[in-house]
């Protein structure tokens, strides 16, 4: 079953993810040097079904903390996480864990170097009983096709692949469980600019083809400019601006957003292009 077969997938602009007054603090240091750091400070954010929302901010702004909280990998001090109309607590049901998938910055660190791509995808499909064992190879090949990779790579290992190919495999693994929300946490930050463009375009294609909802986390507004419907800017754990992408780029309201925008190169049109590269790299 593909994402587009699922009830509600891509069916308009109803809220899929809602964060309300989400807070998370950490204690650093000891004794007199102890400090409380507000990683998230009453963050409210909404991601509608079928929407791509960019979350932008510098390192340490709270982006990755938010991603881990939404995925259930980390607890929080206050506020509420609501998904598809239901409040999600710290302990998630299997169906909730499958519905929200996270793609990390470094695919090489998140893929087992000892396993072939066939084994990596087959493990996920088998553990979650997505398909019958006899269909594992066929479905694994379909997942590679979905991320625009040839099926011959099924017998490859991560060490024999480029960074862009590894990240596509990481995306394929996330898609294997038919999620409704994909969180890309700095998923292109470690890639060359030309390869970044390919991953951005792939995510755009997946949104269209599968009705996928995406929270795209980045520190560079240039990367999100051609992909996102809306952009939220986070600074020191606070959402300082949250507006439609076109409005934010045309007329930023917050000083921090203006500083980020001052470093953004101009992109040509809605579709990201970079040097005419082979995006499957």
Protein backbone atom coordinates (compact mmCIF):
# COMPACT_ATOMS: atom_id res chain seq x y z
CA UNK A 1 0.00 0.00 0.00
CA UNK A 2 1.33 3.43 -0.91
CA UNK A 3 0.84 6.59 1.11
CA UNK A 4 -1.71 7.88 -1.36
CA UNK A 5 -3.86 4.79 -0.59
CA UNK A 6 -4.15 5.70 3.08
CA UNK A 7 -7.25 7.46 4.40
CA UNK A 8 -6.70 11.19 4.69
CA UNK A 9 -3.34 11.24 2.88
CA UNK A 10 -3.13 14.41 0.87
CA UNK A 11 -6.85 15.08 1.42
CA UNK A 12 -6.77 18.84 1.79
CA UNK A 13 -5.45 21.26 4.38
CA UNK A 14 -6.62 19.84 7.69
CA UNK A 15 -4.11 20.09 10.54
CA UNK A 16 -1.95 16.97 10.79
CA UNK A 17 0.58 18.13 13.40
CA UNK A 18 -0.14 20.76 16.04
CA UNK A 19 2.31 21.84 18.71
CA UNK A 20 0.94 24.08 21.46
CA UNK A 21 3.15 25.92 23.97
CA UNK A 22 5.79 23.20 23.74
CA UNK A 23 8.64 23.71 26.22
CA UNK A 24 11.83 21.81 26.94
CA UNK A 25 14.66 22.86 29.25
CA UNK A 26 18.07 21.37 29.92
CA UNK A 27 20.43 21.83 32.85
CA UNK A 28 24.07 22.45 32.03
CA UNK A 29 27.06 22.67 34.35
CA UNK A 30 27.20 21.96 38.08
CA UNK A 31 26.92 23.90 41.32
CA UNK A 32 27.42 27.65 40.90
CA UNK A 33 27.96 27.15 37.19
CA UNK A 34 24.65 25.38 36.62
CA UNK A 35 22.41 26.99 34.03
CA UNK A 36 18.97 26.31 32.62
CA UNK A 37 18.82 26.33 28.83
CA UNK A 38 15.44 26.77 27.15
CA UNK A 39 15.76 24.54 24.09
CA UNK A 40 12.08 25.11 23.33
CA UNK A 41 10.22 28.06 24.82
CA UNK A 42 6.43 27.81 24.44
CA UNK A 43 6.65 26.79 20.79
CA UNK A 44 3.40 26.60 18.84
CA UNK A 45 3.50 25.28 15.28
CA UNK A 46 0.97 23.79 12.88
CA UNK A 47 1.68 21.57 9.87
CA UNK A 48 -1.33 20.90 7.67
CA UNK A 49 -1.98 17.65 5.84
CA UNK A 50 -0.08 17.64 2.53
CA UNK A 51 1.91 20.76 3.42
CA UNK A 52 5.67 21.26 3.44
CA UNK A 53 6.75 23.50 6.31
CA UNK A 54 10.31 24.72 6.72
CA UNK A 55 11.77 25.19 10.19
CA UNK A 56 14.83 27.40 9.95
CA UNK A 57 17.36 28.59 12.49
CA UNK A 58 21.03 28.53 13.36
CA UNK A 59 22.73 25.67 15.20
CA UNK A 60 21.49 25.38 18.78
CA UNK A 61 18.21 27.16 18.08
CA UNK A 62 16.06 24.17 19.08
CA UNK A 63 15.29 22.67 15.67
CA UNK A 64 16.57 19.16 16.36
CA UNK A 65 15.08 19.12 19.85
CA UNK A 66 11.69 19.86 18.32
CA UNK A 67 12.16 17.06 15.78
CA UNK A 68 13.04 14.53 18.48
CA UNK A 69 10.08 15.57 20.63
CA UNK A 70 7.65 15.22 17.73
CA UNK A 71 9.03 11.75 16.91
CA UNK A 72 8.78 10.62 20.52
CA UNK A 73 12.54 10.21 20.90
CA UNK A 74 12.66 12.82 23.65
CA UNK A 75 10.31 14.03 26.34
CA UNK A 76 9.26 17.60 27.05
CA UNK A 77 8.46 19.73 30.08
CA UNK A 78 5.21 21.35 29.02
CA UNK A 79 2.77 21.91 26.22
CA UNK A 80 1.05 19.52 23.87
CA UNK A 81 1.83 17.46 20.77
CA UNK A 82 -1.28 16.66 18.75
CA UNK A 83 -1.17 14.45 15.64
CA UNK A 84 -4.18 13.93 13.39
CA UNK A 85 -6.41 15.30 16.14
CA UNK A 86 -5.05 13.10 18.95
CA UNK A 87 -2.71 14.08 21.79
CA UNK A 88 0.52 12.09 21.69
CA UNK A 89 2.13 11.33 25.04
CA UNK A 90 5.73 10.28 25.72
CA UNK A 91 4.87 6.62 25.16
CA UNK A 92 3.84 6.10 21.57
CA UNK A 93 1.84 3.30 20.05
CA UNK A 94 3.47 1.46 17.16
CA UNK A 95 1.01 3.01 14.72
CA UNK A 96 2.01 6.49 15.92
CA UNK A 97 5.72 5.75 15.67
CA UNK A 98 5.24 4.53 12.11
CA UNK A 99 3.16 7.56 11.15
CA UNK A 100 6.00 10.01 11.93
CA UNK A 101 9.42 9.21 10.47
CA UNK A 102 12.70 11.09 10.86
CA UNK A 103 15.51 11.42 8.32
CA UNK A 104 18.80 12.46 9.91
CA UNK A 105 21.60 14.68 8.64
CA UNK A 106 24.23 11.95 8.26
CA UNK A 107 22.89 8.91 6.40
CA UNK A 108 26.18 7.03 6.79
CA UNK A 109 25.81 7.13 10.57
CA UNK A 110 22.17 5.99 10.43
CA UNK A 111 22.72 3.07 8.01
CA UNK A 112 24.36 -0.16 9.17
CA UNK A 113 27.57 -0.41 7.10
CA UNK A 114 27.51 -4.22 7.34
CA UNK A 115 24.12 -4.55 5.68
CA UNK A 116 23.26 -4.33 2.00
CA UNK A 117 20.48 -1.98 0.98
CA UNK A 118 18.29 -5.03 0.37
CA UNK A 119 18.85 -6.12 3.98
CA UNK A 120 18.32 -2.61 5.35
CA UNK A 121 14.96 -2.15 3.64
CA UNK A 122 13.96 -5.78 4.11
CA UNK A 123 14.53 -5.54 7.85
CA UNK A 124 12.12 -2.62 8.20
CA UNK A 125 9.51 -4.21 5.94
CA UNK A 126 9.79 -7.51 7.79
CA UNK A 127 9.76 -6.20 11.36
CA UNK A 128 6.67 -4.09 10.69
CA UNK A 129 5.05 -6.78 8.53
CA UNK A 130 4.44 -4.35 5.71
CA UNK A 131 4.58 -7.09 3.08
CA UNK A 132 4.89 -10.88 2.95
CA UNK A 133 8.44 -12.27 3.00
CA UNK A 134 8.07 -13.33 -0.63
CA UNK A 135 7.46 -9.71 -1.58
CA UNK A 136 10.42 -8.19 0.26
CA UNK A 137 12.69 -7.88 -2.77
CA UNK A 138 9.96 -6.50 -5.01
CA UNK A 139 8.89 -3.90 -2.45
CA UNK A 140 12.51 -2.96 -1.71
CA UNK A 141 13.08 -2.35 -5.42
CA UNK A 142 9.90 -0.25 -5.54
CA UNK A 143 11.17 1.86 -2.64
CA UNK A 144 14.45 2.52 -4.46
CA UNK A 145 12.51 3.48 -7.57
CA UNK A 146 10.44 5.84 -5.43
CA UNK A 147 13.61 7.71 -4.43
CA UNK A 148 14.93 7.57 -8.00
CA UNK A 149 17.63 4.95 -7.50
CA UNK A 150 18.18 1.84 -9.66
CA UNK A 151 17.33 -1.57 -8.22
CA UNK A 152 20.89 -2.78 -8.88
CA UNK A 153 21.91 -0.85 -5.75
CA UNK A 154 19.98 -3.34 -3.60
CA UNK A 155 23.13 -5.44 -3.30
CA UNK A 156 25.34 -2.45 -2.47
CA UNK A 157 26.51 -1.36 0.97
CA UNK A 158 26.58 2.26 2.21
CA UNK A 159 30.36 2.48 1.83
CA UNK A 160 30.04 1.91 -1.91
CA UNK A 161 27.54 4.72 -2.43
CA UNK A 162 27.75 8.49 -2.67
CA UNK A 163 26.37 10.77 0.03
CA UNK A 164 23.36 11.65 -2.08
CA UNK A 165 22.58 8.00 -2.77
CA UNK A 166 22.88 7.13 0.92
CA UNK A 167 20.47 9.90 1.84
CA UNK A 168 17.99 8.62 -0.75
CA UNK A 169 18.25 5.17 0.83
CA UNK A 170 17.59 6.72 4.26
CA UNK A 171 14.48 8.37 2.82
CA UNK A 172 13.39 5.07 1.25
CA UNK A 173 13.78 3.34 4.62
CA UNK A 174 11.61 6.00 6.27
CA UNK A 175 8.96 5.60 3.56
CA UNK A 176 8.93 1.81 3.98
CA UNK A 177 6.45 2.03 6.88
CA UNK A 178 4.08 4.36 4.99
CA UNK A 179 4.39 7.43 7.24
CA UNK A 180 2.08 10.40 6.98
CA UNK A 181 4.66 12.91 8.25
CA UNK A 182 8.31 12.94 7.24
CA UNK A 183 10.70 15.07 9.28
CA UNK A 184 13.90 15.90 7.43
CA UNK A 185 16.32 17.14 10.09
CA UNK A 186 19.15 18.93 8.25
CA UNK A 187 18.84 16.14 5.69
CA UNK A 188 20.82 18.02 3.03
CA UNK A 189 23.27 19.95 5.22
CA UNK A 190 26.16 17.51 4.73
CA UNK A 191 25.75 17.27 0.94
CA UNK A 192 27.28 19.26 -1.90
CA UNK A 193 25.09 22.08 -3.21
CA UNK A 194 24.32 20.28 -6.48
CA UNK A 195 23.32 17.10 -4.61
CA UNK A 196 21.23 19.14 -2.15
CA UNK A 197 19.14 20.32 -5.09
CA UNK A 198 18.41 16.74 -6.06
CA UNK A 199 17.21 15.80 -2.57
CA UNK A 200 15.04 18.92 -2.37
CA UNK A 201 13.46 18.09 -5.73
CA UNK A 202 12.95 14.48 -4.65
CA UNK A 203 11.05 15.59 -1.54
CA UNK A 204 8.91 17.85 -3.70
CA UNK A 205 8.14 14.90 -5.99
CA UNK A 206 7.27 12.68 -3.01
CA UNK A 207 4.90 15.29 -1.63
CA UNK A 208 3.10 15.39 -4.98
CA UNK A 209 3.14 11.66 -5.67
CA UNK A 210 2.34 10.35 -2.19
CA UNK A 211 0.45 13.20 -0.56
CA UNK A 212 3.29 13.29 1.97
CA UNK A 213 3.43 15.95 4.68
CA UNK A 214 6.95 17.22 5.39
CA UNK A 215 8.59 19.20 8.17
CA UNK A 216 11.84 20.33 6.56
CA UNK A 217 14.43 21.49 9.10
CA UNK A 218 17.42 23.51 7.91
CA UNK A 219 19.71 26.34 8.96
CA UNK A 220 19.88 27.82 5.45
CA UNK A 221 16.84 29.60 4.04
CA UNK A 222 18.16 29.15 0.50
CA UNK A 223 17.56 25.42 0.73
CA UNK A 224 13.91 25.75 1.81
CA UNK A 225 12.99 28.57 -0.52
CA UNK A 226 11.89 26.46 -3.49
CA UNK A 227 10.31 23.63 -1.47
CA UNK A 228 8.23 24.95 1.40
CA UNK A 229 4.70 26.33 1.46
CA UNK A 230 5.37 28.01 4.77
CA UNK A 231 8.47 28.81 6.81
CA UNK A 232 8.82 29.11 10.58
CA UNK A 233 11.95 30.77 11.94
CA UNK A 234 13.20 29.67 15.36
CA UNK A 235 15.74 31.57 17.47
CA UNK A 236 16.89 30.45 20.92
CA UNK A 237 13.92 28.14 21.28
CA UNK A 238 11.33 30.73 20.23
CA UNK A 239 9.38 30.88 16.96
CA UNK A 240 10.00 34.49 15.90
CA UNK A 241 8.21 34.32 12.56
CA UNK A 242 5.82 31.87 10.87
CA UNK A 243 4.43 32.91 7.50
CA UNK A 244 3.79 31.71 3.95
CA UNK A 245 7.16 31.28 2.25
CA UNK A 246 6.52 33.87 -0.46
CA UNK A 247 5.50 36.50 2.11
CA UNK A 248 8.44 35.79 4.39
CA UNK A 249 10.98 36.09 1.61
CA UNK A 250 9.35 39.21 0.17
CA UNK A 251 8.89 41.08 3.44
CA UNK A 252 10.52 39.52 6.55
CA UNK A 253 9.18 41.01 9.77
CA UNK A 254 11.77 39.93 12.36
CA UNK A 255 15.34 41.22 12.56
CA UNK A 256 16.70 37.69 12.93
CA UNK A 257 14.87 36.58 9.78
CA UNK A 258 16.33 39.55 7.93
CA UNK A 259 19.83 38.52 8.98
CA UNK A 260 19.24 34.99 7.72
CA UNK A 261 17.84 36.28 4.44
CA UNK A 262 20.82 38.53 3.84
CA UNK A 263 22.91 35.42 3.11
CA UNK A 264 20.41 33.73 0.76
CA UNK A 265 21.46 33.46 -2.91
CA UNK A 266 18.76 33.89 -5.53
CA UNK A 267 17.22 30.71 -6.90
CA UNK A 268 15.69 30.42 -10.33
CA UNK A 269 11.98 29.70 -10.17
CA UNK A 270 10.00 27.31 -8.03
CA UNK A 271 12.10 24.28 -9.00
CA UNK A 272 15.62 24.08 -7.59
CA UNK A 273 18.31 23.67 -10.23
CA UNK A 274 22.04 23.40 -9.74
CA UNK A 275 24.55 23.01 -12.54
CA UNK A 276 22.44 20.41 -14.37
CA UNK A 277 23.76 17.61 -12.18
CA UNK A 278 22.63 14.01 -12.05
CA UNK A 279 20.38 14.19 -8.97
CA UNK A 280 20.68 10.48 -8.21
CA UNK A 281 24.27 10.99 -7.03
